[in-house]
Amino acid sequence: MIRKLQAVVLDCADAERLAKFYADFLGGRAVPDPEDADWVEVSGFEGTPLACQRVDGYQPPQWPGQEHPQQLHLDFDVDDLDGEEERALALGATVLERTDQLRPGVNWRVYADPAGHPFCLCLH
């Protein structure tokens, strides 16, 4: 029986850089594995733990295209969409779509982390 989700692991070209992005964004810390230079965990924040894993030949997802599909994305609840967008961009994220400005009644925006993984900021 599965008791809990241990971690969400994101493939990337630079595990240390991506883990630092998420650690700074979530208020946690990046913890490199002393035995595996390709693995960095993000801990010290509320929620499911994240880990970043360097893989050879990493190809970032293309959103919304399907040549390199997103396969998964992360959703983050926020109280201040504009403020958290500004913080995410300062940390290295890029805007993919300001969905709330395109579709009436929608309360999220789509971004890419520094490795190209899509994530959403959702107004809570």
PDB file of N, CA and C in Angstrom:
ATOM      1  N   MET A   1       0.825  -1.171   0.000  1.00  0.00           N
ATOM      2  CA  MET A   1       0.000   0.000   0.000  1.00  0.00           C
ATOM      3  C   MET A   1       0.885   1.257   0.000  1.00  0.00           C
ATOM      4  N   ILE A   2       0.557   2.203  -0.850  1.00  0.00           N
ATOM      5  CA  ILE A   2       1.282   3.469  -0.886  1.00  0.00           C
ATOM      6  C   ILE A   2       0.736   4.359   0.220  1.00  0.00           C
ATOM      7  N   ARG A   3       1.620   4.906   1.032  1.00  0.00           N
ATOM      8  CA  ARG A   3       1.187   5.706   2.175  1.00  0.00           C
ATOM      9  C   ARG A   3       1.241   7.199   1.905  1.00  0.00           C
ATOM     10  N   LYS A   4       2.235   7.651   1.146  1.00  0.00           N
ATOM     11  CA  LYS A   4       2.319   9.067   0.814  1.00  0.00           C
ATOM     12  C   LYS A   4       3.264   9.254  -0.369  1.00  0.00           C
ATOM     13  N   LEU A   5       3.105  10.371  -1.025  1.00  0.00           N
ATOM     14  CA  LEU A   5       3.993  10.735  -2.118  1.00  0.00           C
ATOM     15  C   LEU A   5       5.308  11.197  -1.504  1.00  0.00           C
ATOM     16  N   GLN A   6       6.412  10.542  -1.856  1.00  0.00           N
ATOM     17  CA  GLN A   6       7.710  10.857  -1.264  1.00  0.00           C
ATOM     18  C   GLN A   6       8.258  12.166  -1.802  1.00  0.00           C
ATOM     19  N   ALA A   7       8.183  12.368  -3.129  1.00  0.00           N
ATOM     20  CA  ALA A   7       8.738  13.585  -3.734  1.00  0.00           C
ATOM     21  C   ALA A   7       8.279  13.678  -5.174  1.00  0.00           C
ATOM     22  N   VAL A   8       8.314  14.882  -5.685  1.00  0.00           N
ATOM     23  CA  VAL A   8       8.169  15.128  -7.112  1.00  0.00           C
ATOM     24  C   VAL A   8       9.572  15.407  -7.619  1.00  0.00           C
ATOM     25  N   VAL A   9      10.011  14.682  -8.644  1.00  0.00           N
ATOM     26  CA  VAL A   9      11.363  14.816  -9.169  1.00  0.00           C
ATOM     27  C   VAL A   9      11.296  15.437 -10.555  1.00  0.00           C
ATOM     28  N   LEU A  10      12.045  16.509 -10.748  1.00  0.00           N
ATOM     29  CA  LEU A  10      12.087  17.199 -12.027  1.00  0.00           C
ATOM     30  C   LEU A  10      13.418  16.934 -12.723  1.00  0.00           C
ATOM     31  N   ASP A  11      13.365  16.394 -13.936  1.00  0.00           N
ATOM     32  CA  ASP A  11      14.573  16.240 -14.738  1.00  0.00           C
ATOM     33  C   ASP A  11      14.998  17.613 -15.243  1.00  0.00           C
ATOM     34  N   CYS A  12      16.297  17.790 -15.428  1.00  0.00           N
ATOM     35  CA  CYS A  12      16.806  19.078 -15.887  1.00  0.00           C
ATOM     36  C   CYS A  12      18.259  18.927 -16.335  1.00  0.00           C
ATOM     37  N   ALA A  13      18.797  19.992 -16.895  1.00  0.00           N
ATOM     38  CA  ALA A  13      20.200  19.996 -17.319  1.00  0.00           C
ATOM     39  C   ALA A  13      21.132  20.387 -16.168  1.00  0.00           C
ATOM     40  N   ASP A  14      20.632  21.170 -15.201  1.00  0.00           N
ATOM     41  CA  ASP A  14      21.447  21.681 -14.094  1.00  0.00           C
ATOM     42  C   ASP A  14      20.632  21.567 -12.804  1.00  0.00           C
ATOM     43  N   ALA A  15      20.834  20.486 -12.069  1.00  0.00           N
ATOM     44  CA  ALA A  15      20.034  20.207 -10.869  1.00  0.00           C
ATOM     45  C   ALA A  15      20.246  21.257  -9.790  1.00  0.00           C
ATOM     46  N   GLU A  16      21.454  21.720  -9.615  1.00  0.00           N
ATOM     47  CA  GLU A  16      21.733  22.710  -8.574  1.00  0.00           C
ATOM     48  C   GLU A  16      21.016  24.030  -8.859  1.00  0.00           C
ATOM     49  N   ARG A  17      21.055  24.478 -10.088  1.00  0.00           N
ATOM     50  CA  ARG A  17      20.405  25.743 -10.460  1.00  0.00           C
ATOM     51  C   ARG A  17      18.885  25.650 -10.294  1.00  0.00           C
ATOM     52  N   LEU A  18      18.296  24.548 -10.761  1.00  0.00           N
ATOM     53  CA  LEU A  18      16.849  24.410 -10.665  1.00  0.00           C
ATOM     54  C   LEU A  18      16.414  24.267  -9.207  1.00  0.00           C
ATOM     55  N   ALA A  19      17.157  23.500  -8.413  1.00  0.00           N
ATOM     56  CA  ALA A  19      16.822  23.353  -6.991  1.00  0.00           C
ATOM     57  C   ALA A  19      16.924  24.695  -6.272  1.00  0.00           C
ATOM     58  N   LYS A  20      17.897  25.500  -6.609  1.00  0.00           N
ATOM     59  CA  LYS A  20      18.026  26.830  -5.994  1.00  0.00           C
ATOM     60  C   LYS A  20      16.832  27.700  -6.349  1.00  0.00           C
ATOM     61  N   PHE A  21      16.378  27.641  -7.614  1.00  0.00           N
ATOM     62  CA  PHE A  21      15.196  28.399  -8.016  1.00  0.00           C
ATOM     63  C   PHE A  21      14.010  28.033  -7.128  1.00  0.00           C
ATOM     64  N   TYR A  22      13.707  26.733  -7.002  1.00  0.00           N
ATOM     65  CA  TYR A  22      12.557  26.309  -6.212  1.00  0.00           C
ATOM     66  C   TYR A  22      12.761  26.562  -4.721  1.00  0.00           C
ATOM     67  N   ALA A  23      13.971  26.403  -4.216  1.00  0.00           N
ATOM     68  CA  ALA A  23      14.234  26.698  -2.803  1.00  0.00           C
ATOM     69  C   ALA A  23      13.965  28.174  -2.517  1.00  0.00           C
ATOM     70  N   ASP A  24      14.458  29.053  -3.370  1.00  0.00           N
ATOM     71  CA  ASP A  24      14.229  30.484  -3.178  1.00  0.00           C
ATOM     72  C   ASP A  24      12.752  30.828  -3.339  1.00  0.00           C
ATOM     73  N   PHE A  25      12.103  30.226  -4.317  1.00  0.00           N
ATOM     74  CA  PHE A  25      10.703  30.515  -4.590  1.00  0.00           C
ATOM     75  C   PHE A  25       9.796  30.049  -3.457  1.00  0.00           C
ATOM     76  N   LEU A  26      10.085  28.876  -2.883  1.00  0.00           N
ATOM     77  CA  LEU A  26       9.232  28.276  -1.861  1.00  0.00           C
ATOM     78  C   LEU A  26       9.681  28.577  -0.431  1.00  0.00           C
ATOM     79  N   GLY A  27      10.799  29.278  -0.292  1.00  0.00           N
ATOM     80  CA  GLY A  27      11.285  29.584   1.046  1.00  0.00           C
ATOM     81  C   GLY A  27      11.942  28.390   1.716  1.00  0.00           C
ATOM     82  N   GLY A  28      12.549  27.526   0.932  1.00  0.00           N
ATOM     83  CA  GLY A  28      13.224  26.350   1.476  1.00  0.00           C
ATOM     84  C   GLY A  28      14.724  26.436   1.253  1.00  0.00           C
ATOM     85  N   ARG A  29      15.322  25.282   1.108  1.00  0.00           N
ATOM     86  CA  ARG A  29      16.770  25.233   0.854  1.00  0.00           C
ATOM     87  C   ARG A  29      17.077  24.084  -0.097  1.00  0.00           C
ATOM     88  N   ALA A  30      18.121  24.271  -0.873  1.00  0.00           N
ATOM     89  CA  ALA A  30      18.603  23.241  -1.798  1.00  0.00           C
ATOM     90  C   ALA A  30      19.649  22.407  -1.065  1.00  0.00           C
ATOM     91  N   VAL A  31      19.470  21.077  -1.087  1.00  0.00           N
ATOM     92  CA  VAL A  31      20.361  20.182  -0.356  1.00  0.00           C
ATOM     93  C   VAL A  31      20.950  19.174  -1.337  1.00  0.00           C
ATOM     94  N   PRO A  32      22.205  19.394  -1.774  1.00  0.00           N
ATOM     95  CA  PRO A  32      22.832  18.442  -2.695  1.00  0.00           C
ATOM     96  C   PRO A  32      23.052  17.088  -2.020  1.00  0.00           C
ATOM     97  N   ASP A  33      22.962  16.035  -2.797  1.00  0.00           N
ATOM     98  CA  ASP A  33      23.242  14.685  -2.308  1.00  0.00           C
ATOM     99  C   ASP A  33      24.762  14.507  -2.324  1.00  0.00           C
ATOM    100  N   PRO A  34      25.401  14.240  -1.188  1.00  0.00           N
ATOM    101  CA  PRO A  34      26.858  14.122  -1.154  1.00  0.00           C
ATOM    102  C   PRO A  34      27.393  12.931  -1.958  1.00  0.00           C
ATOM    103  N   GLU A  35      26.518  11.979  -2.264  1.00  0.00           N
ATOM    104  CA  GLU A  35      26.956  10.801  -3.000  1.00  0.00           C
ATOM    105  C   GLU A  35      26.549  10.816  -4.467  1.00  0.00           C
ATOM    106  N   ASP A  36      25.755  11.813  -4.878  1.00  0.00           N
ATOM    107  CA  ASP A  36      25.256  11.866  -6.249  1.00  0.00           C
ATOM    108  C   ASP A  36      25.186  13.322  -6.699  1.00  0.00           C
ATOM    109  N   ALA A  37      26.150  13.748  -7.486  1.00  0.00           N
ATOM    110  CA  ALA A  37      26.240  15.138  -7.943  1.00  0.00           C
ATOM    111  C   ALA A  37      25.083  15.532  -8.859  1.00  0.00           C
ATOM    112  N   ASP A  38      24.344  14.564  -9.362  1.00  0.00           N
ATOM    113  CA  ASP A  38      23.237  14.839 -10.275  1.00  0.00           C
ATOM    114  C   ASP A  38      21.891  14.975  -9.551  1.00  0.00           C
ATOM    115  N   TRP A  39      21.871  14.959  -8.217  1.00  0.00           N
ATOM    116  CA  TRP A  39      20.628  14.958  -7.456  1.00  0.00           C
ATOM    117  C   TRP A  39      20.683  16.048  -6.376  1.00  0.00           C
ATOM    118  N   VAL A  40      19.678  16.929  -6.375  1.00  0.00           N
ATOM    119  CA  VAL A  40      19.576  17.967  -5.343  1.00  0.00           C
ATOM    120  C   VAL A  40      18.126  18.007  -4.864  1.00  0.00           C
ATOM    121  N   GLU A  41      17.943  17.915  -3.560  1.00  0.00           N
ATOM    122  CA  GLU A  41      16.608  17.967  -2.985  1.00  0.00           C
ATOM    123  C   GLU A  41      16.296  19.380  -2.514  1.00  0.00           C
ATOM    124  N   VAL A  42      15.007  19.713  -2.550  1.00  0.00           N
ATOM    125  CA  VAL A  42      14.530  20.995  -2.039  1.00  0.00           C
ATOM    126  C   VAL A  42      13.695  20.675  -0.812  1.00  0.00           C
ATOM    127  N   SER A  43      14.075  21.227   0.332  1.00  0.00           N
ATOM    128  CA  SER A  43      13.362  20.919   1.567  1.00  0.00           C
ATOM    129  C   SER A  43      13.161  22.199   2.373  1.00  0.00           C
ATOM    130  N   GLY A  44      12.458  22.056   3.499  1.00  0.00           N
ATOM    131  CA  GLY A  44      12.269  23.186   4.389  1.00  0.00           C
ATOM    132  C   GLY A  44      11.103  24.079   4.036  1.00  0.00           C
ATOM    133  N   PHE A  45      10.142  23.571   3.294  1.00  0.00           N
ATOM    134  CA  PHE A  45       8.930  24.315   2.968  1.00  0.00           C
ATOM    135  C   PHE A  45       7.739  23.391   3.163  1.00  0.00           C
ATOM    136  N   GLU A  46       6.552  23.962   3.259  1.00  0.00           N
ATOM    137  CA  GLU A  46       5.349  23.164   3.450  1.00  0.00           C
ATOM    138  C   GLU A  46       4.921  22.554   2.120  1.00  0.00           C
ATOM    139  N   GLY A  47       4.599  21.274   2.120  1.00  0.00           N
ATOM    140  CA  GLY A  47       4.111  20.611   0.919  1.00  0.00           C
ATOM    141  C   GLY A  47       4.959  19.413   0.538  1.00  0.00           C
ATOM    142  N   THR A  48       4.639  18.835  -0.594  1.00  0.00           N
ATOM    143  CA  THR A  48       5.349  17.665  -1.087  1.00  0.00           C
ATOM    144  C   THR A  48       6.784  18.033  -1.442  1.00  0.00           C
ATOM    145  N   PRO A  49       7.761  17.272  -0.976  1.00  0.00           N
ATOM    146  CA  PRO A  49       9.155  17.571  -1.293  1.00  0.00           C
ATOM    147  C   PRO A  49       9.431  17.509  -2.798  1.00  0.00           C
ATOM    148  N   LEU A  50      10.376  18.325  -3.220  1.00  0.00           N
ATOM    149  CA  LEU A  50      10.827  18.348  -4.607  1.00  0.00           C
ATOM    150  C   LEU A  50      12.270  17.881  -4.668  1.00  0.00           C
ATOM    151  N   ALA A  51      12.628  17.289  -5.787  1.00  0.00           N
ATOM    152  CA  ALA A  51      14.027  16.963  -6.051  1.00  0.00           C
ATOM    153  C   ALA A  51      14.292  17.292  -7.513  1.00  0.00           C
ATOM    154  N   CYS A  52      15.532  17.632  -7.805  1.00  0.00           N
ATOM    155  CA  CYS A  52      15.941  17.943  -9.171  1.00  0.00           C
ATOM    156  C   CYS A  52      17.048  16.974  -9.555  1.00  0.00           C
ATOM    157  N   GLN A  53      16.920  16.413 -10.735  1.00  0.00           N
ATOM    158  CA  GLN A  53      17.840  15.382 -11.198  1.00  0.00           C
ATOM    159  C   GLN A  53      18.399  15.769 -12.559  1.00  0.00           C
ATOM    160  N   ARG A  54      19.740  15.861 -12.651  1.00  0.00           N
ATOM    161  CA  ARG A  54      20.376  16.172 -13.928  1.00  0.00           C
ATOM    162  C   ARG A  54      20.341  14.943 -14.815  1.00  0.00           C
ATOM    163  N   VAL A  55      19.919  15.141 -16.061  1.00  0.00           N
ATOM    164  CA  VAL A  55      19.919  14.057 -17.042  1.00  0.00           C
ATOM    165  C   VAL A  55      20.639  14.520 -18.296  1.00  0.00           C
ATOM    166  N   ASP A  56      21.360  13.606 -18.907  1.00  0.00           N
ATOM    167  CA  ASP A  56      22.035  13.920 -20.170  1.00  0.00           C
ATOM    168  C   ASP A  56      21.011  14.149 -21.267  1.00  0.00           C
ATOM    169  N   GLY A  57      21.248  15.118 -22.101  1.00  0.00           N
ATOM    170  CA  GLY A  57      20.385  15.361 -23.251  1.00  0.00           C
ATOM    171  C   GLY A  57      19.015  15.901 -22.902  1.00  0.00           C
ATOM    172  N   TYR A  58      18.879  16.522 -21.742  1.00  0.00           N
ATOM    173  CA  TYR A  58      17.584  17.048 -21.313  1.00  0.00           C
ATOM    174  C   TYR A  58      16.997  17.991 -22.362  1.00  0.00           C
ATOM    175  N   GLN A  59      15.730  17.793 -22.682  1.00  0.00           N
ATOM    176  CA  GLN A  59      14.979  18.659 -23.594  1.00  0.00           C
ATOM    177  C   GLN A  59      13.803  19.240 -22.822  1.00  0.00           C
ATOM    178  N   PRO A  60      13.749  20.561 -22.654  1.00  0.00           N
ATOM    179  CA  PRO A  60      12.640  21.131 -21.884  1.00  0.00           C
ATOM    180  C   PRO A  60      11.305  20.972 -22.596  1.00  0.00           C
ATOM    181  N   PRO A  61      10.231  20.919 -21.828  1.00  0.00           N
ATOM    182  CA  PRO A  61       8.905  20.868 -22.436  1.00  0.00           C
ATOM    183  C   PRO A  61       8.637  22.140 -23.231  1.00  0.00           C
ATOM    184  N   GLN A  62       7.753  22.044 -24.193  1.00  0.00           N
ATOM    185  CA  GLN A  62       7.321  23.209 -24.970  1.00  0.00           C
ATOM    186  C   GLN A  62       5.838  23.392 -24.719  1.00  0.00           C
ATOM    187  N   TRP A  63       5.483  24.491 -24.104  1.00  0.00           N
ATOM    188  CA  TRP A  63       4.093  24.738 -23.774  1.00  0.00           C
ATOM    189  C   TRP A  63       3.575  25.845 -24.668  1.00  0.00           C
ATOM    190  N   PRO A  64       2.456  25.702 -25.302  1.00  0.00           N
ATOM    191  CA  PRO A  64       1.511  24.600 -25.217  1.00  0.00           C
ATOM    192  C   PRO A  64       1.745  23.522 -26.277  1.00  0.00           C
ATOM    193  N   GLY A  65       2.830  23.594 -27.033  1.00  0.00           N
ATOM    194  CA  GLY A  65       3.104  22.625 -28.089  1.00  0.00           C
ATOM    195  C   GLY A  65       3.259  21.215 -27.573  1.00  0.00           C
ATOM    196  N   GLN A  66       3.249  20.260 -28.483  1.00  0.00           N
ATOM    197  CA  GLN A  66       3.321  18.855 -28.083  1.00  0.00           C
ATOM    198  C   GLN A  66       4.559  18.129 -28.605  1.00  0.00           C
ATOM    199  N   GLU A  67       5.466  18.846 -29.258  1.00  0.00           N
ATOM    200  CA  GLU A  67       6.691  18.196 -29.722  1.00  0.00           C
ATOM    201  C   GLU A  67       7.501  17.671 -28.534  1.00  0.00           C
ATOM    202  N   HIS A  68       7.575  18.471 -27.479  1.00  0.00           N
ATOM    203  CA  HIS A  68       8.162  18.072 -26.198  1.00  0.00           C
ATOM    204  C   HIS A  68       7.102  18.393 -25.138  1.00  0.00           C
ATOM    205  N   PRO A  69       6.113  17.491 -24.917  1.00  0.00           N
ATOM    206  CA  PRO A  69       4.982  17.810 -24.037  1.00  0.00           C
ATOM    207  C   PRO A  69       5.420  18.042 -22.590  1.00  0.00           C
ATOM    208  N   GLN A  70       4.587  18.799 -21.877  1.00  0.00           N
ATOM    209  CA  GLN A  70       4.920  19.163 -20.498  1.00  0.00           C
ATOM    210  C   GLN A  70       4.949  17.956 -19.565  1.00  0.00           C
ATOM    211  N   GLN A  71       4.194  16.924 -19.806  1.00  0.00           N
ATOM    212  CA  GLN A  71       4.139  15.700 -19.019  1.00  0.00           C
ATOM    213  C   GLN A  71       3.618  15.911 -17.607  1.00  0.00           C
ATOM    214  N   LEU A  72       4.000  16.965 -16.943  1.00  0.00           N
ATOM    215  CA  LEU A  72       3.435  17.342 -15.659  1.00  0.00           C
ATOM    216  C   LEU A  72       3.686  18.823 -15.457  1.00  0.00           C
ATOM    217  N   HIS A  73       2.943  19.418 -14.558  1.00  0.00           N
ATOM    218  CA  HIS A  73       3.247  20.788 -14.155  1.00  0.00           C
ATOM    219  C   HIS A  73       2.859  20.953 -12.698  1.00  0.00           C
ATOM    220  N   LEU A  74       3.404  21.957 -12.078  1.00  0.00           N
ATOM    221  CA  LEU A  74       3.152  22.235 -10.677  1.00  0.00           C
ATOM    222  C   LEU A  74       2.210  23.422 -10.563  1.00  0.00           C
ATOM    223  N   ASP A  75       1.249  23.354  -9.635  1.00  0.00           N
ATOM    224  CA  ASP A  75       0.339  24.460  -9.349  1.00  0.00           C
ATOM    225  C   ASP A  75       0.635  24.959  -7.934  1.00  0.00           C
ATOM    226  N   PHE A  76       0.770  26.277  -7.796  1.00  0.00           N
ATOM    227  CA  PHE A  76       1.030  26.891  -6.498  1.00  0.00           C
ATOM    228  C   PHE A  76      -0.092  27.868  -6.169  1.00  0.00           C
ATOM    229  N   ASP A  77      -0.719  27.710  -4.995  1.00  0.00           N
ATOM    230  CA  ASP A  77      -1.706  28.679  -4.520  1.00  0.00           C
ATOM    231  C   ASP A  77      -0.972  29.920  -4.036  1.00  0.00           C
ATOM    232  N   VAL A  78      -1.466  31.092  -4.422  1.00  0.00           N
ATOM    233  CA  VAL A  78      -0.886  32.360  -3.979  1.00  0.00           C
ATOM    234  C   VAL A  78      -2.007  33.308  -3.583  1.00  0.00           C
ATOM    235  N   ASP A  79      -1.689  34.263  -2.727  1.00  0.00           N
ATOM    236  CA  ASP A  79      -2.651  35.283  -2.324  1.00  0.00           C
ATOM    237  C   ASP A  79      -2.528  36.541  -3.179  1.00  0.00           C
ATOM    238  N   ASP A  80      -1.367  36.742  -3.809  1.00  0.00           N
ATOM    239  CA  ASP A  80      -1.098  37.947  -4.588  1.00  0.00           C
ATOM    240  C   ASP A  80      -0.465  37.532  -5.918  1.00  0.00           C
ATOM    241  N   LEU A  81      -1.277  37.420  -6.947  1.00  0.00           N
ATOM    242  CA  LEU A  81      -0.813  36.936  -8.245  1.00  0.00           C
ATOM    243  C   LEU A  81       0.271  37.842  -8.834  1.00  0.00           C
ATOM    244  N   ASP A  82       0.055  39.140  -8.820  1.00  0.00           N
ATOM    245  CA  ASP A  82       1.045  40.063  -9.389  1.00  0.00           C
ATOM    246  C   ASP A  82       2.352  40.042  -8.596  1.00  0.00           C
ATOM    247  N   GLY A  83       2.245  40.044  -7.277  1.00  0.00           N
ATOM    248  CA  GLY A  83       3.442  40.032  -6.439  1.00  0.00           C
ATOM    249  C   GLY A  83       4.258  38.758  -6.595  1.00  0.00           C
ATOM    250  N   GLU A  84       3.574  37.619  -6.629  1.00  0.00           N
ATOM    251  CA  GLU A  84       4.288  36.349  -6.777  1.00  0.00           C
ATOM    252  C   GLU A  84       4.846  36.192  -8.191  1.00  0.00           C
ATOM    253  N   GLU A  85       4.148  36.747  -9.184  1.00  0.00           N
ATOM    254  CA  GLU A  85       4.708  36.742 -10.534  1.00  0.00           C
ATOM    255  C   GLU A  85       6.012  37.528 -10.556  1.00  0.00           C
ATOM    256  N   GLU A  86       6.012  38.694  -9.965  1.00  0.00           N
ATOM    257  CA  GLU A  86       7.220  39.521  -9.937  1.00  0.00           C
ATOM    258  C   GLU A  86       8.374  38.776  -9.271  1.00  0.00           C
ATOM    259  N   ARG A  87       8.080  38.094  -8.161  1.00  0.00           N
ATOM    260  CA  ARG A  87       9.112  37.337  -7.446  1.00  0.00           C
ATOM    261  C   ARG A  87       9.621  36.168  -8.275  1.00  0.00           C
ATOM    262  N   ALA A  88       8.705  35.436  -8.921  1.00  0.00           N
ATOM    263  CA  ALA A  88       9.104  34.296  -9.755  1.00  0.00           C
ATOM    264  C   ALA A  88       9.983  34.759 -10.914  1.00  0.00           C
ATOM    265  N   LEU A  89       9.607  35.847 -11.557  1.00  0.00           N
ATOM    266  CA  LEU A  89      10.396  36.361 -12.687  1.00  0.00           C
ATOM    267  C   LEU A  89      11.776  36.806 -12.222  1.00  0.00           C
ATOM    268  N   ALA A  90      11.857  37.440 -11.068  1.00  0.00           N
ATOM    269  CA  ALA A  90      13.151  37.872 -10.533  1.00  0.00           C
ATOM    270  C   ALA A  90      14.068  36.692 -10.236  1.00  0.00           C
ATOM    271  N   LEU A  91      13.467  35.535  -9.925  1.00  0.00           N
ATOM    272  CA  LEU A  91      14.251  34.332  -9.625  1.00  0.00           C
ATOM    273  C   LEU A  91      14.638  33.548 -10.876  1.00  0.00           C
ATOM    274  N   GLY A  92      14.097  33.934 -12.049  1.00  0.00           N
ATOM    275  CA  GLY A  92      14.494  33.265 -13.287  1.00  0.00           C
ATOM    276  C   GLY A  92      13.377  32.597 -14.057  1.00  0.00           C
ATOM    277  N   ALA A  93      12.135  32.699 -13.597  1.00  0.00           N
ATOM    278  CA  ALA A  93      11.008  32.132 -14.346  1.00  0.00           C
ATOM    279  C   ALA A  93      10.709  33.012 -15.558  1.00  0.00           C
ATOM    280  N   THR A  94       9.967  32.463 -16.499  1.00  0.00           N
ATOM    281  CA  THR A  94       9.502  33.233 -17.652  1.00  0.00           C
ATOM    282  C   THR A  94       7.989  33.040 -17.787  1.00  0.00           C
ATOM    283  N   VAL A  95       7.319  34.069 -18.287  1.00  0.00           N
ATOM    284  CA  VAL A  95       5.879  34.000 -18.503  1.00  0.00           C
ATOM    285  C   VAL A  95       5.600  33.181 -19.751  1.00  0.00           C
ATOM    286  N   LEU A  96       4.704  32.201 -19.637  1.00  0.00           N
ATOM    287  CA  LEU A  96       4.226  31.470 -20.800  1.00  0.00           C
ATOM    288  C   LEU A  96       2.863  32.005 -21.228  1.00  0.00           C
ATOM    289  N   GLU A  97       1.995  32.278 -20.229  1.00  0.00           N
ATOM    290  CA  GLU A  97       0.673  32.808 -20.564  1.00  0.00           C
ATOM    291  C   GLU A  97       0.043  33.436 -19.324  1.00  0.00           C
ATOM    292  N   ARG A  98      -0.428  34.637 -19.474  1.00  0.00           N
ATOM    293  CA  ARG A  98      -1.194  35.292 -18.410  1.00  0.00           C
ATOM    294  C   ARG A  98      -2.664  34.945 -18.654  1.00  0.00           C
ATOM    295  N   THR A  99      -2.983  33.714 -18.329  1.00  0.00           N
ATOM    296  CA  THR A  99      -4.286  33.130 -18.635  1.00  0.00           C
ATOM    297  C   THR A  99      -5.433  33.973 -18.076  1.00  0.00           C
ATOM    298  N   ASP A 100      -5.239  34.526 -16.873  1.00  0.00           N
ATOM    299  CA  ASP A 100      -6.297  35.331 -16.259  1.00  0.00           C
ATOM    300  C   ASP A 100      -6.631  36.576 -17.082  1.00  0.00           C
ATOM    301  N   GLN A 101      -5.692  37.042 -17.906  1.00  0.00           N
ATOM    302  CA  GLN A 101      -5.927  38.219 -18.731  1.00  0.00           C
ATOM    303  C   GLN A 101      -6.522  37.857 -20.087  1.00  0.00           C
ATOM    304  N   LEU A 102      -6.493  36.567 -20.425  1.00  0.00           N
ATOM    305  CA  LEU A 102      -7.008  36.106 -21.720  1.00  0.00           C
ATOM    306  C   LEU A 102      -8.421  35.542 -21.631  1.00  0.00           C
ATOM    307  N   ARG A 103      -8.748  34.942 -20.482  1.00  0.00           N
ATOM    308  CA  ARG A 103     -10.046  34.284 -20.325  1.00  0.00           C
ATOM    309  C   ARG A 103     -10.753  34.802 -19.075  1.00  0.00           C
ATOM    310  N   PRO A 104     -11.909  35.425 -19.233  1.00  0.00           N
ATOM    311  CA  PRO A 104     -12.647  35.927 -18.070  1.00  0.00           C
ATOM    312  C   PRO A 104     -12.953  34.810 -17.071  1.00  0.00           C
ATOM    313  N   GLY A 105     -12.794  35.125 -15.784  1.00  0.00           N
ATOM    314  CA  GLY A 105     -13.132  34.177 -14.730  1.00  0.00           C
ATOM    315  C   GLY A 105     -12.028  33.201 -14.363  1.00  0.00           C
ATOM    316  N   VAL A 106     -10.936  33.197 -15.103  1.00  0.00           N
ATOM    317  CA  VAL A 106      -9.828  32.287 -14.821  1.00  0.00           C
ATOM    318  C   VAL A 106      -8.904  32.964 -13.808  1.00  0.00           C
ATOM    319  N   ASN A 107      -8.350  32.195 -12.874  1.00  0.00           N
ATOM    320  CA  ASN A 107      -7.543  32.781 -11.805  1.00  0.00           C
ATOM    321  C   ASN A 107      -6.109  32.254 -11.757  1.00  0.00           C
ATOM    322  N   TRP A 108      -5.523  31.924 -12.896  1.00  0.00           N
ATOM    323  CA  TRP A 108      -4.148  31.436 -12.885  1.00  0.00           C
ATOM    324  C   TRP A 108      -3.356  31.997 -14.058  1.00  0.00           C
ATOM    325  N   ARG A 109      -2.028  31.890 -13.906  1.00  0.00           N
ATOM    326  CA  ARG A 109      -1.071  32.265 -14.943  1.00  0.00           C
ATOM    327  C   ARG A 109      -0.055  31.136 -15.078  1.00  0.00           C
ATOM    328  N   VAL A 110       0.501  30.987 -16.279  1.00  0.00           N
ATOM    329  CA  VAL A 110       1.411  29.885 -16.568  1.00  0.00           C
ATOM    330  C   VAL A 110       2.819  30.436 -16.802  1.00  0.00           C
ATOM    331  N   TYR A 111       3.802  29.771 -16.196  1.00  0.00           N
ATOM    332  CA  TYR A 111       5.207  30.183 -16.274  1.00  0.00           C
ATOM    333  C   TYR A 111       6.063  28.965 -16.600  1.00  0.00           C
ATOM    334  N   ALA A 112       7.325  29.226 -16.901  1.00  0.00           N
ATOM    335  CA  ALA A 112       8.309  28.155 -17.026  1.00  0.00           C
ATOM    336  C   ALA A 112       9.407  28.422 -16.014  1.00  0.00           C
ATOM    337  N   ASP A 113       9.855  27.368 -15.327  1.00  0.00           N
ATOM    338  CA  ASP A 113      10.991  27.513 -14.428  1.00  0.00           C
ATOM    339  C   ASP A 113      12.265  27.628 -15.270  1.00  0.00           C
ATOM    340  N   PRO A 114      13.422  27.840 -14.670  1.00  0.00           N
ATOM    341  CA  PRO A 114      14.643  28.007 -15.468  1.00  0.00           C
ATOM    342  C   PRO A 114      15.002  26.817 -16.357  1.00  0.00           C
ATOM    343  N   ALA A 115      14.470  25.623 -16.056  1.00  0.00           N
ATOM    344  CA  ALA A 115      14.732  24.450 -16.893  1.00  0.00           C
ATOM    345  C   ALA A 115      13.630  24.226 -17.925  1.00  0.00           C
ATOM    346  N   GLY A 116      12.606  25.091 -17.934  1.00  0.00           N
ATOM    347  CA  GLY A 116      11.546  24.992 -18.932  1.00  0.00           C
ATOM    348  C   GLY A 116      10.295  24.264 -18.496  1.00  0.00           C
ATOM    349  N   HIS A 117      10.239  23.750 -17.250  1.00  0.00           N
ATOM    350  CA  HIS A 117       9.037  23.062 -16.768  1.00  0.00           C
ATOM    351  C   HIS A 117       7.925  24.078 -16.528  1.00  0.00           C
ATOM    352  N   PRO A 118       6.738  23.837 -17.063  1.00  0.00           N
ATOM    353  CA  PRO A 118       5.620  24.742 -16.792  1.00  0.00           C
ATOM    354  C   PRO A 118       5.160  24.636 -15.339  1.00  0.00           C
ATOM    355  N   PHE A 119       4.762  25.764 -14.782  1.00  0.00           N
ATOM    356  CA  PHE A 119       4.096  25.779 -13.492  1.00  0.00           C
ATOM    357  C   PHE A 119       3.096  26.920 -13.498  1.00  0.00           C
ATOM    358  N   CYS A 120       2.096  26.808 -12.626  1.00  0.00           N
ATOM    359  CA  CYS A 120       1.040  27.821 -12.556  1.00  0.00           C
ATOM    360  C   CYS A 120       1.026  28.473 -11.190  1.00  0.00           C
ATOM    361  N   LEU A 121       0.769  29.771 -11.198  1.00  0.00           N
ATOM    362  CA  LEU A 121       0.430  30.487  -9.979  1.00  0.00           C
ATOM    363  C   LEU A 121      -1.077  30.663 -10.014  1.00  0.00           C
ATOM    364  N   CYS A 122      -1.749  30.186  -8.972  1.00  0.00           N
ATOM    365  CA  CYS A 122      -3.204  30.176  -8.909  1.00  0.00           C
ATOM    366  C   CYS A 122      -3.656  31.044  -7.749  1.00  0.00           C
ATOM    367  N   LEU A 123      -4.478  32.052  -8.050  1.00  0.00           N
ATOM    368  CA  LEU A 123      -4.972  32.939  -7.002  1.00  0.00           C
ATOM    369  C   LEU A 123      -5.864  32.145  -6.067  1.00  0.00           C
ATOM    370  N   HIS A 124      -5.506  32.125  -4.826  1.00  0.00           N
ATOM    371  CA  HIS A 124      -6.204  31.327  -3.799  1.00  0.00           C
ATOM    372  C   HIS A 124      -7.411  32.059  -3.277  1.00  0.00           C
TER     373      HIS A 124
END
